[in-house]
């Protein structure tokens, strides 16, 4: 993957408004099961010590997880973690409260579990084509660059105390960003912006749209930048993106508009910068893509800034 593609990937990673919440931190002994299923949220489990089995009844998956492994759920997927390999035993195991982490306790499994919230309206749109879940294996060849992050998570988890270290959630953020970049580089994303980012023939076009979203981007102009005929460009782009170039352009514009509004730029100025001369047309497009009105986002951003002050 070229440095130009990496710059685009890093731009999008930097714009993800991700909030990670640590839900459980501790260890289990004996027979137990754990799950974040049913809460309609993306989540994660990091195995800090010991081992367990990940059961995915609907996906038909069974994975052994060991210390240093992690699983990220991009959406709410039925799953159970348990020391039992047999599905029936795992399902029948009790839900037990976690004990404090003590790595000297034999047969114990220490976990850090939590949730991801993608606060920006468009984040879910851009992540919708990702796989349901992603596994990181300590013994695997991929994502070895994340090992120091895991060691830091374990170090923070071992500090103990009544309240878990807030750094754990931030370190999981980093793990998640590495996972997203890895998926994009490996072309493991089925469609959408990330799939387009992985295709070098569309890199000049994406760079130009991000740099000048307010330009009059006709299909012909996009095809010219991609060095294709109009028909070839439309066919290839639609196959990769899973949507038309025009709709894709609107998504990019609304992503950039969201960033501008959250930075305090006026709605009229944000609309103009992404190519809309009419406030009404901008509001319609914004609502259609994000599910909310730009004014509501502006009020929410202003409230967040006031609370942070």
C-alpha atoms as a PDB file:
ATOM      1  CA  UNK A   1       0.000   0.000   0.000  1.00  0.00           C
ATOM      2  CA  UNK A   2       1.402   3.400  -1.000  1.00  0.00           C
ATOM      3  CA  UNK A   3       2.162   6.248   1.375  1.00  0.00           C
ATOM      4  CA  UNK A   4      -0.627   8.234  -0.335  1.00  0.00           C
ATOM      5  CA  UNK A   5      -3.152   5.549   0.563  1.00  0.00           C
ATOM      6  CA  UNK A   6      -1.809   5.401   4.115  1.00  0.00           C
ATOM      7  CA  UNK A   7      -2.303   9.163   4.473  1.00  0.00           C
ATOM      8  CA  UNK A   8      -5.950   8.774   3.506  1.00  0.00           C
ATOM      9  CA  UNK A   9      -6.394   5.888   5.925  1.00  0.00           C
ATOM     10  CA  UNK A  10      -4.834   7.923   8.722  1.00  0.00           C
ATOM     11  CA  UNK A  11      -7.087  10.869   7.874  1.00  0.00           C
ATOM     12  CA  UNK A  12     -10.174   8.723   8.311  1.00  0.00           C
ATOM     13  CA  UNK A  13      -8.851   7.048  11.467  1.00  0.00           C
ATOM     14  CA  UNK A  14      -8.208  10.463  12.938  1.00  0.00           C
ATOM     15  CA  UNK A  15     -11.773  11.537  12.216  1.00  0.00           C
ATOM     16  CA  UNK A  16     -13.429   8.567  13.949  1.00  0.00           C
ATOM     17  CA  UNK A  17     -15.148   9.890  17.061  1.00  0.00           C
ATOM     18  CA  UNK A  18     -14.579   6.757  19.108  1.00  0.00           C
ATOM     19  CA  UNK A  19     -15.368   6.374  22.788  1.00  0.00           C
ATOM     20  CA  UNK A  20     -14.196   3.231  24.559  1.00  0.00           C
ATOM     21  CA  UNK A  21     -15.739   2.209  27.878  1.00  0.00           C
ATOM     22  CA  UNK A  22     -14.227  -0.395  30.178  1.00  0.00           C
ATOM     23  CA  UNK A  23     -17.104  -2.564  31.442  1.00  0.00           C
ATOM     24  CA  UNK A  24     -15.361  -5.406  33.278  1.00  0.00           C
ATOM     25  CA  UNK A  25     -11.824  -5.810  34.538  1.00  0.00           C
ATOM     26  CA  UNK A  26     -10.970  -8.814  36.661  1.00  0.00           C
ATOM     27  CA  UNK A  27     -10.647 -12.563  36.610  1.00  0.00           C
ATOM     28  CA  UNK A  28     -12.780 -15.709  36.731  1.00  0.00           C
ATOM     29  CA  UNK A  29     -12.115 -19.087  38.282  1.00  0.00           C
ATOM     30  CA  UNK A  30     -13.892 -22.428  37.989  1.00  0.00           C
ATOM     31  CA  UNK A  31     -16.980 -22.606  35.754  1.00  0.00           C
ATOM     32  CA  UNK A  32     -18.155 -19.290  34.315  1.00  0.00           C
ATOM     33  CA  UNK A  33     -19.392 -17.496  31.229  1.00  0.00           C
ATOM     34  CA  UNK A  34     -19.185 -13.888  30.101  1.00  0.00           C
ATOM     35  CA  UNK A  35     -20.777 -11.963  27.244  1.00  0.00           C
ATOM     36  CA  UNK A  36     -21.736  -8.454  26.170  1.00  0.00           C
ATOM     37  CA  UNK A  37     -24.436  -9.765  23.824  1.00  0.00           C
ATOM     38  CA  UNK A  38     -27.817  -8.071  23.656  1.00  0.00           C
ATOM     39  CA  UNK A  39     -26.775  -4.524  24.495  1.00  0.00           C
ATOM     40  CA  UNK A  40     -26.758  -3.377  20.838  1.00  0.00           C
ATOM     41  CA  UNK A  41     -23.196  -2.096  21.078  1.00  0.00           C
ATOM     42  CA  UNK A  42     -19.805  -2.896  19.619  1.00  0.00           C
ATOM     43  CA  UNK A  43     -17.477  -4.401  22.174  1.00  0.00           C
ATOM     44  CA  UNK A  44     -14.204  -6.102  22.976  1.00  0.00           C
ATOM     45  CA  UNK A  45     -12.585  -8.727  25.186  1.00  0.00           C
ATOM     46  CA  UNK A  46      -8.840  -8.723  25.885  1.00  0.00           C
ATOM     47  CA  UNK A  47      -7.402 -11.877  27.486  1.00  0.00           C
ATOM     48  CA  UNK A  48      -4.918 -10.689  30.106  1.00  0.00           C
ATOM     49  CA  UNK A  49      -4.076 -14.052  31.652  1.00  0.00           C
ATOM     50  CA  UNK A  50      -5.064 -17.705  31.310  1.00  0.00           C
ATOM     51  CA  UNK A  51      -7.233 -18.977  28.465  1.00  0.00           C
ATOM     52  CA  UNK A  52     -10.854 -19.548  27.474  1.00  0.00           C
ATOM     53  CA  UNK A  53     -13.099 -20.401  24.530  1.00  0.00           C
ATOM     54  CA  UNK A  54     -15.063 -17.968  22.392  1.00  0.00           C
ATOM     55  CA  UNK A  55     -18.385 -19.443  21.246  1.00  0.00           C
ATOM     56  CA  UNK A  56     -20.247 -17.808  18.341  1.00  0.00           C
ATOM     57  CA  UNK A  57     -23.497 -19.793  18.031  1.00  0.00           C
ATOM     58  CA  UNK A  58     -25.021 -17.879  15.113  1.00  0.00           C
ATOM     59  CA  UNK A  59     -21.758 -17.574  13.184  1.00  0.00           C
ATOM     60  CA  UNK A  60     -20.885 -21.201  13.905  1.00  0.00           C
ATOM     61  CA  UNK A  61     -17.469 -20.267  15.246  1.00  0.00           C
ATOM     62  CA  UNK A  62     -15.343 -21.646  18.073  1.00  0.00           C
ATOM     63  CA  UNK A  63     -11.997 -20.065  18.940  1.00  0.00           C
ATOM     64  CA  UNK A  64      -9.503 -20.778  21.679  1.00  0.00           C
ATOM     65  CA  UNK A  65      -8.245 -17.550  23.226  1.00  0.00           C
ATOM     66  CA  UNK A  66      -5.040 -17.301  25.236  1.00  0.00           C
ATOM     67  CA  UNK A  67      -3.261 -14.567  27.153  1.00  0.00           C
ATOM     68  CA  UNK A  68      -2.395 -11.808  24.731  1.00  0.00           C
ATOM     69  CA  UNK A  69      -5.332 -12.498  22.406  1.00  0.00           C
ATOM     70  CA  UNK A  70      -8.230 -10.107  21.834  1.00  0.00           C
ATOM     71  CA  UNK A  71     -11.551 -10.093  20.034  1.00  0.00           C
ATOM     72  CA  UNK A  72     -13.259  -6.959  18.698  1.00  0.00           C
ATOM     73  CA  UNK A  73     -16.954  -6.986  17.834  1.00  0.00           C
ATOM     74  CA  UNK A  74     -17.868  -4.313  15.305  1.00  0.00           C
ATOM     75  CA  UNK A  75     -21.550  -4.926  16.021  1.00  0.00           C
ATOM     76  CA  UNK A  76     -23.673  -6.758  18.575  1.00  0.00           C
ATOM     77  CA  UNK A  77     -23.041 -10.429  17.772  1.00  0.00           C
ATOM     78  CA  UNK A  78     -24.241 -13.304  20.004  1.00  0.00           C
ATOM     79  CA  UNK A  79     -21.213 -14.783  21.769  1.00  0.00           C
ATOM     80  CA  UNK A  80     -20.083 -16.407  25.006  1.00  0.00           C
ATOM     81  CA  UNK A  81     -16.658 -16.637  26.613  1.00  0.00           C
ATOM     82  CA  UNK A  82     -16.146 -19.632  28.888  1.00  0.00           C
ATOM     83  CA  UNK A  83     -13.473 -22.079  30.037  1.00  0.00           C
ATOM     84  CA  UNK A  84     -15.621 -24.857  28.531  1.00  0.00           C
ATOM     85  CA  UNK A  85     -14.998 -25.985  24.965  1.00  0.00           C
ATOM     86  CA  UNK A  86     -18.344 -27.789  24.673  1.00  0.00           C
ATOM     87  CA  UNK A  87     -21.141 -25.344  23.705  1.00  0.00           C
ATOM     88  CA  UNK A  88     -23.689 -26.947  26.046  1.00  0.00           C
ATOM     89  CA  UNK A  89     -21.384 -26.627  29.052  1.00  0.00           C
ATOM     90  CA  UNK A  90     -20.504 -23.063  28.140  1.00  0.00           C
ATOM     91  CA  UNK A  91     -24.182 -22.094  27.871  1.00  0.00           C
ATOM     92  CA  UNK A  92     -25.043 -23.773  31.201  1.00  0.00           C
ATOM     93  CA  UNK A  93     -22.129 -22.176  33.054  1.00  0.00           C
ATOM     94  CA  UNK A  94     -23.105 -19.534  35.628  1.00  0.00           C
ATOM     95  CA  UNK A  95     -22.542 -15.813  35.275  1.00  0.00           C
ATOM     96  CA  UNK A  96     -20.207 -15.054  38.150  1.00  0.00           C
ATOM     97  CA  UNK A  97     -18.908 -11.751  39.528  1.00  0.00           C
ATOM     98  CA  UNK A  98     -15.305 -11.006  38.651  1.00  0.00           C
ATOM     99  CA  UNK A  99     -12.615 -11.182  41.312  1.00  0.00           C
ATOM    100  CA  UNK A 100      -9.625  -8.864  41.484  1.00  0.00           C
ATOM    101  CA  UNK A 101      -6.772  -9.844  39.211  1.00  0.00           C
ATOM    102  CA  UNK A 102      -4.248 -12.128  40.869  1.00  0.00           C
ATOM    103  CA  UNK A 103      -1.994 -13.793  38.318  1.00  0.00           C
ATOM    104  CA  UNK A 104      -0.805 -16.330  40.904  1.00  0.00           C
ATOM    105  CA  UNK A 105      -4.222 -18.004  41.157  1.00  0.00           C
ATOM    106  CA  UNK A 106      -4.014 -21.272  39.161  1.00  0.00           C
ATOM    107  CA  UNK A 107      -6.647 -21.945  36.492  1.00  0.00           C
ATOM    108  CA  UNK A 108      -7.899 -18.363  36.440  1.00  0.00           C
ATOM    109  CA  UNK A 109      -8.688 -16.219  33.399  1.00  0.00           C
ATOM    110  CA  UNK A 110      -8.239 -12.446  33.570  1.00  0.00           C
ATOM    111  CA  UNK A 111     -10.202 -10.266  31.142  1.00  0.00           C
ATOM    112  CA  UNK A 112     -10.651  -6.645  30.186  1.00  0.00           C
ATOM    113  CA  UNK A 113     -14.069  -6.202  28.557  1.00  0.00           C
ATOM    114  CA  UNK A 114     -15.890  -3.152  27.310  1.00  0.00           C
ATOM    115  CA  UNK A 115     -17.724  -1.289  24.596  1.00  0.00           C
ATOM    116  CA  UNK A 116     -17.086   0.941  21.600  1.00  0.00           C
ATOM    117  CA  UNK A 117     -19.385   3.838  20.837  1.00  0.00           C
ATOM    118  CA  UNK A 118     -19.030   5.572  17.477  1.00  0.00           C
ATOM    119  CA  UNK A 119     -20.398   8.975  18.430  1.00  0.00           C
ATOM    120  CA  UNK A 120     -20.174  10.754  15.087  1.00  0.00           C
ATOM    121  CA  UNK A 121     -23.301  10.026  12.978  1.00  0.00           C
ATOM    122  CA  UNK A 122     -21.325   8.826   9.959  1.00  0.00           C
ATOM    123  CA  UNK A 123     -18.946   6.460  11.735  1.00  0.00           C
ATOM    124  CA  UNK A 124     -21.429   3.598  11.635  1.00  0.00           C
ATOM    125  CA  UNK A 125     -21.998   4.241   7.919  1.00  0.00           C
ATOM    126  CA  UNK A 126     -18.304   3.919   7.143  1.00  0.00           C
ATOM    127  CA  UNK A 127     -17.830   0.865   9.383  1.00  0.00           C
ATOM    128  CA  UNK A 128     -20.923  -1.023   8.229  1.00  0.00           C
ATOM    129  CA  UNK A 129     -19.023  -3.065   5.631  1.00  0.00           C
ATOM    130  CA  UNK A 130     -16.466  -4.385   8.121  1.00  0.00           C
ATOM    131  CA  UNK A 131     -16.642  -7.988   9.345  1.00  0.00           C
ATOM    132  CA  UNK A 132     -18.758  -8.699  12.433  1.00  0.00           C
ATOM    133  CA  UNK A 133     -15.726  -9.492  14.555  1.00  0.00           C
ATOM    134  CA  UNK A 134     -11.934  -9.529  14.385  1.00  0.00           C
ATOM    135  CA  UNK A 135      -9.518 -11.723  16.337  1.00  0.00           C
ATOM    136  CA  UNK A 136      -5.991 -10.725  17.310  1.00  0.00           C
ATOM    137  CA  UNK A 137      -3.746 -13.668  18.165  1.00  0.00           C
ATOM    138  CA  UNK A 138      -0.613 -13.154  20.245  1.00  0.00           C
ATOM    139  CA  UNK A 139       1.024 -16.040  18.373  1.00  0.00           C
ATOM    140  CA  UNK A 140      -0.134 -14.890  14.945  1.00  0.00           C
ATOM    141  CA  UNK A 141       2.038 -13.191  12.360  1.00  0.00           C
ATOM    142  CA  UNK A 142      -0.232 -10.180  11.894  1.00  0.00           C
ATOM    143  CA  UNK A 143      -0.510  -7.115  14.114  1.00  0.00           C
ATOM    144  CA  UNK A 144       2.658  -7.943  16.014  1.00  0.00           C
ATOM    145  CA  UNK A 145       3.171  -4.190  16.375  1.00  0.00           C
ATOM    146  CA  UNK A 146       0.325  -4.196  18.919  1.00  0.00           C
ATOM    147  CA  UNK A 147       2.188  -6.381  21.420  1.00  0.00           C
ATOM    148  CA  UNK A 148       3.633  -3.424  23.388  1.00  0.00           C
ATOM    149  CA  UNK A 149       0.106  -2.035  23.704  1.00  0.00           C
ATOM    150  CA  UNK A 150      -1.101  -5.305  25.212  1.00  0.00           C
ATOM    151  CA  UNK A 151       1.790  -5.294  27.687  1.00  0.00           C
ATOM    152  CA  UNK A 152       0.809  -1.771  28.740  1.00  0.00           C
ATOM    153  CA  UNK A 153      -2.828  -2.856  29.211  1.00  0.00           C
ATOM    154  CA  UNK A 154      -1.696  -5.757  31.403  1.00  0.00           C
ATOM    155  CA  UNK A 155       0.587  -3.469  33.377  1.00  0.00           C
ATOM    156  CA  UNK A 156      -2.258  -1.021  34.015  1.00  0.00           C
ATOM    157  CA  UNK A 157      -4.636  -3.847  34.940  1.00  0.00           C
ATOM    158  CA  UNK A 158      -2.174  -5.160  37.538  1.00  0.00           C
ATOM    159  CA  UNK A 159      -2.007  -1.807  39.334  1.00  0.00           C
ATOM    160  CA  UNK A 160      -5.198  -2.784  41.160  1.00  0.00           C
ATOM    161  CA  UNK A 161      -7.118  -0.230  43.174  1.00  0.00           C
ATOM    162  CA  UNK A 162     -10.817   0.370  43.609  1.00  0.00           C
ATOM    163  CA  UNK A 163     -11.189   2.034  40.199  1.00  0.00           C
ATOM    164  CA  UNK A 164      -9.525   0.614  37.069  1.00  0.00           C
ATOM    165  CA  UNK A 165      -6.945   2.750  35.312  1.00  0.00           C
ATOM    166  CA  UNK A 166      -8.546   5.096  32.744  1.00  0.00           C
ATOM    167  CA  UNK A 167      -5.541   4.446  30.527  1.00  0.00           C
ATOM    168  CA  UNK A 168      -6.825   0.936  29.741  1.00  0.00           C
ATOM    169  CA  UNK A 169      -9.692   2.269  27.611  1.00  0.00           C
ATOM    170  CA  UNK A 170      -7.335   4.612  25.759  1.00  0.00           C
ATOM    171  CA  UNK A 171      -4.918   1.770  25.064  1.00  0.00           C
ATOM    172  CA  UNK A 172      -7.796  -0.339  23.697  1.00  0.00           C
ATOM    173  CA  UNK A 173      -8.574   2.614  21.407  1.00  0.00           C
ATOM    174  CA  UNK A 174      -5.092   2.209  19.951  1.00  0.00           C
ATOM    175  CA  UNK A 175      -5.585  -1.533  19.494  1.00  0.00           C
ATOM    176  CA  UNK A 176      -8.829  -0.877  17.652  1.00  0.00           C
ATOM    177  CA  UNK A 177      -7.232   1.637  15.276  1.00  0.00           C
ATOM    178  CA  UNK A 178      -4.487  -0.850  14.432  1.00  0.00           C
ATOM    179  CA  UNK A 179      -7.147  -3.472  13.682  1.00  0.00           C
ATOM    180  CA  UNK A 180      -9.078  -1.130  11.379  1.00  0.00           C
ATOM    181  CA  UNK A 181      -5.941  -0.153   9.461  1.00  0.00           C
ATOM    182  CA  UNK A 182      -4.929  -3.804   9.166  1.00  0.00           C
ATOM    183  CA  UNK A 183      -8.315  -4.780   7.702  1.00  0.00           C
ATOM    184  CA  UNK A 184      -8.154  -1.998   5.167  1.00  0.00           C
ATOM    185  CA  UNK A 185      -4.631  -2.855   4.066  1.00  0.00           C
ATOM    186  CA  UNK A 186      -5.551  -6.516   3.640  1.00  0.00           C
ATOM    187  CA  UNK A 187      -8.638  -5.691   1.549  1.00  0.00           C
ATOM    188  CA  UNK A 188     -10.806  -7.468   4.146  1.00  0.00           C
ATOM    189  CA  UNK A 189     -13.516  -4.816   3.869  1.00  0.00           C
ATOM    190  CA  UNK A 190     -16.301  -5.757   1.477  1.00  0.00           C
ATOM    191  CA  UNK A 191     -17.363  -2.297   0.308  1.00  0.00           C
ATOM    192  CA  UNK A 192     -17.569   1.351   1.258  1.00  0.00           C
ATOM    193  CA  UNK A 193     -14.973   4.014   1.864  1.00  0.00           C
ATOM    194  CA  UNK A 194     -12.367   1.699   3.350  1.00  0.00           C
ATOM    195  CA  UNK A 195     -12.571  -0.637   0.350  1.00  0.00           C
ATOM    196  CA  UNK A 196     -12.111   2.338  -1.980  1.00  0.00           C
ATOM    197  CA  UNK A 197      -9.118   3.489   0.075  1.00  0.00           C
ATOM    198  CA  UNK A 198      -7.434   0.153  -0.598  1.00  0.00           C
ATOM    199  CA  UNK A 199      -7.650   0.589  -4.389  1.00  0.00           C
ATOM    200  CA  UNK A 200      -4.721   2.633  -5.751  1.00  0.00           C
ATOM    201  CA  UNK A 201      -6.590   3.601  -8.934  1.00  0.00           C
ATOM    202  CA  UNK A 202      -8.961   5.713  -6.830  1.00  0.00           C
ATOM    203  CA  UNK A 203      -6.341   7.314  -4.561  1.00  0.00           C
ATOM    204  CA  UNK A 204      -5.904  10.535  -6.614  1.00  0.00           C
ATOM    205  CA  UNK A 205      -9.678  10.989  -6.727  1.00  0.00           C
ATOM    206  CA  UNK A 206     -10.125  10.559  -2.968  1.00  0.00           C
ATOM    207  CA  UNK A 207      -7.257  12.938  -2.245  1.00  0.00           C
ATOM    208  CA  UNK A 208      -8.806  15.548  -4.521  1.00  0.00           C
ATOM    209  CA  UNK A 209     -12.299  15.189  -2.991  1.00  0.00           C
ATOM    210  CA  UNK A 210     -10.952  15.501   0.562  1.00  0.00           C
ATOM    211  CA  UNK A 211      -8.870  18.540  -0.423  1.00  0.00           C
ATOM    212  CA  UNK A 212     -11.678  20.244  -2.388  1.00  0.00           C
ATOM    213  CA  UNK A 213     -15.078  18.814  -1.410  1.00  0.00           C
ATOM    214  CA  UNK A 214     -16.861  21.919  -2.656  1.00  0.00           C
ATOM    215  CA  UNK A 215     -15.776  21.435  -6.253  1.00  0.00           C
ATOM    216  CA  UNK A 216     -18.378  20.538  -8.871  1.00  0.00           C
ATOM    217  CA  UNK A 217     -17.696  16.814  -8.908  1.00  0.00           C
ATOM    218  CA  UNK A 218     -19.406  15.435 -11.973  1.00  0.00           C
ATOM    219  CA  UNK A 219     -19.048  11.767 -12.920  1.00  0.00           C
ATOM    220  CA  UNK A 220     -16.905  12.888 -15.846  1.00  0.00           C
ATOM    221  CA  UNK A 221     -14.547  14.827 -13.562  1.00  0.00           C
ATOM    222  CA  UNK A 222     -14.183  11.848 -11.224  1.00  0.00           C
ATOM    223  CA  UNK A 223     -13.584   9.497 -14.157  1.00  0.00           C
ATOM    224  CA  UNK A 224     -10.892  11.794 -15.576  1.00  0.00           C
ATOM    225  CA  UNK A 225      -8.984  11.827 -12.287  1.00  0.00           C
ATOM    226  CA  UNK A 226      -9.168   8.025 -12.222  1.00  0.00           C
ATOM    227  CA  UNK A 227      -7.938   7.827 -15.852  1.00  0.00           C
ATOM    228  CA  UNK A 228     -10.995   5.886 -16.984  1.00  0.00           C
ATOM    229  CA  UNK A 229     -13.874   6.378 -19.326  1.00  0.00           C
ATOM    230  CA  UNK A 230     -17.132   7.465 -17.726  1.00  0.00           C
ATOM    231  CA  UNK A 231     -18.740   4.042 -18.162  1.00  0.00           C
ATOM    232  CA  UNK A 232     -15.707   2.088 -16.920  1.00  0.00           C
ATOM    233  CA  UNK A 233     -15.279   4.361 -13.913  1.00  0.00           C
ATOM    234  CA  UNK A 234     -18.934   4.145 -12.916  1.00  0.00           C
ATOM    235  CA  UNK A 235     -18.927   0.348 -13.135  1.00  0.00           C
ATOM    236  CA  UNK A 236     -15.644  -0.212 -11.279  1.00  0.00           C
ATOM    237  CA  UNK A 237     -16.282   2.369  -8.601  1.00  0.00           C
ATOM    238  CA  UNK A 238     -19.787   1.112  -7.885  1.00  0.00           C
ATOM    239  CA  UNK A 239     -18.508  -2.471  -7.606  1.00  0.00           C
ATOM    240  CA  UNK A 240     -15.850  -1.480  -5.061  1.00  0.00           C
ATOM    241  CA  UNK A 241     -17.802   1.109  -3.084  1.00  0.00           C
ATOM    242  CA  UNK A 242     -21.104  -0.736  -3.089  1.00  0.00           C
ATOM    243  CA  UNK A 243     -22.848   2.510  -3.993  1.00  0.00           C
ATOM    244  CA  UNK A 244     -22.897   5.087  -6.785  1.00  0.00           C
ATOM    245  CA  UNK A 245     -20.101   7.684  -7.084  1.00  0.00           C
ATOM    246  CA  UNK A 246     -22.632  10.463  -6.407  1.00  0.00           C
ATOM    247  CA  UNK A 247     -23.852   8.905  -3.178  1.00  0.00           C
ATOM    248  CA  UNK A 248     -20.293   8.154  -2.135  1.00  0.00           C
ATOM    249  CA  UNK A 249     -19.367  11.792  -2.779  1.00  0.00           C
ATOM    250  CA  UNK A 250     -22.244  12.921  -0.561  1.00  0.00           C
ATOM    251  CA  UNK A 251     -21.034  10.647   2.233  1.00  0.00           C
ATOM    252  CA  UNK A 252     -17.523  12.116   2.057  1.00  0.00           C
ATOM    253  CA  UNK A 253     -18.928  15.635   2.019  1.00  0.00           C
ATOM    254  CA  UNK A 254     -21.088  14.963   5.059  1.00  0.00           C
ATOM    255  CA  UNK A 255     -18.138  13.396   6.872  1.00  0.00           C
ATOM    256  CA  UNK A 256     -16.119  16.552   6.270  1.00  0.00           C
ATOM    257  CA  UNK A 257     -19.087  18.754   7.155  1.00  0.00           C
ATOM    258  CA  UNK A 258     -19.457  16.887  10.456  1.00  0.00           C
ATOM    259  CA  UNK A 259     -15.837  17.633  11.307  1.00  0.00           C
ATOM    260  CA  UNK A 260     -16.259  21.312  10.430  1.00  0.00           C
ATOM    261  CA  UNK A 261     -19.414  21.691  12.528  1.00  0.00           C
ATOM    262  CA  UNK A 262     -17.791  19.975  15.510  1.00  0.00           C
ATOM    263  CA  UNK A 263     -14.859  22.376  15.162  1.00  0.00           C
ATOM    264  CA  UNK A 264     -17.256  25.314  15.531  1.00  0.00           C
ATOM    265  CA  UNK A 265     -17.622  26.371  11.895  1.00  0.00           C
ATOM    266  CA  UNK A 266     -21.044  27.917  11.192  1.00  0.00           C
ATOM    267  CA  UNK A 267     -23.611  25.765   9.398  1.00  0.00           C
ATOM    268  CA  UNK A 268     -23.706  28.109   6.394  1.00  0.00           C
ATOM    269  CA  UNK A 269     -19.916  28.091   6.083  1.00  0.00           C
ATOM    270  CA  UNK A 270     -19.723  24.308   6.498  1.00  0.00           C
ATOM    271  CA  UNK A 271     -22.365  23.861   3.792  1.00  0.00           C
ATOM    272  CA  UNK A 272     -20.479  26.146   1.423  1.00  0.00           C
ATOM    273  CA  UNK A 273     -17.148  24.407   1.992  1.00  0.00           C
ATOM    274  CA  UNK A 274     -18.581  21.008   1.042  1.00  0.00           C
ATOM    275  CA  UNK A 275     -20.355  22.281  -2.073  1.00  0.00           C
ATOM    276  CA  UNK A 276     -23.837  23.437  -1.029  1.00  0.00           C
ATOM    277  CA  UNK A 277     -25.073  26.966  -1.705  1.00  0.00           C
ATOM    278  CA  UNK A 278     -28.498  26.265  -0.223  1.00  0.00           C
ATOM    279  CA  UNK A 279     -28.836  25.663   3.520  1.00  0.00           C
ATOM    280  CA  UNK A 280     -32.025  23.708   2.906  1.00  0.00           C
ATOM    281  CA  UNK A 281     -30.348  21.383   0.379  1.00  0.00           C
ATOM    282  CA  UNK A 282     -27.430  20.877   2.761  1.00  0.00           C
ATOM    283  CA  UNK A 283     -29.759  20.036   5.660  1.00  0.00           C
ATOM    284  CA  UNK A 284     -31.670  17.519   3.524  1.00  0.00           C
ATOM    285  CA  UNK A 285     -28.477  15.804   2.385  1.00  0.00           C
ATOM    286  CA  UNK A 286     -27.031  15.805   5.903  1.00  0.00           C
ATOM    287  CA  UNK A 287     -30.191  14.297   7.401  1.00  0.00           C
ATOM    288  CA  UNK A 288     -30.414  11.666   4.651  1.00  0.00           C
ATOM    289  CA  UNK A 289     -26.837  10.469   5.181  1.00  0.00           C
ATOM    290  CA  UNK A 290     -26.402  10.870   8.950  1.00  0.00           C
ATOM    291  CA  UNK A 291     -29.955  10.511  10.228  1.00  0.00           C
ATOM    292  CA  UNK A 292     -29.785  13.832  12.070  1.00  0.00           C
ATOM    293  CA  UNK A 293     -29.988  17.524  11.187  1.00  0.00           C
ATOM    294  CA  UNK A 294     -26.824  19.657  11.138  1.00  0.00           C
ATOM    295  CA  UNK A 295     -28.374  22.039  13.684  1.00  0.00           C
ATOM    296  CA  UNK A 296     -28.799  19.186  16.162  1.00  0.00           C
ATOM    297  CA  UNK A 297     -25.158  18.190  15.687  1.00  0.00           C
ATOM    298  CA  UNK A 298     -24.097  21.817  16.206  1.00  0.00           C
ATOM    299  CA  UNK A 299     -26.041  22.049  19.478  1.00  0.00           C
ATOM    300  CA  UNK A 300     -24.612  18.727  20.648  1.00  0.00           C
ATOM    301  CA  UNK A 301     -21.058  19.818  19.809  1.00  0.00           C
ATOM    302  CA  UNK A 302     -21.563  23.163  21.600  1.00  0.00           C
ATOM    303  CA  UNK A 303     -22.859  21.334  24.684  1.00  0.00           C
ATOM    304  CA  UNK A 304     -19.878  18.984  24.673  1.00  0.00           C
ATOM    305  CA  UNK A 305     -17.478  21.911  24.431  1.00  0.00           C
ATOM    306  CA  UNK A 306     -19.245  23.671  27.300  1.00  0.00           C
ATOM    307  CA  UNK A 307     -19.067  20.583  29.521  1.00  0.00           C
ATOM    308  CA  UNK A 308     -15.397  20.111  28.702  1.00  0.00           C
ATOM    309  CA  UNK A 309     -14.575  23.715  29.585  1.00  0.00           C
END
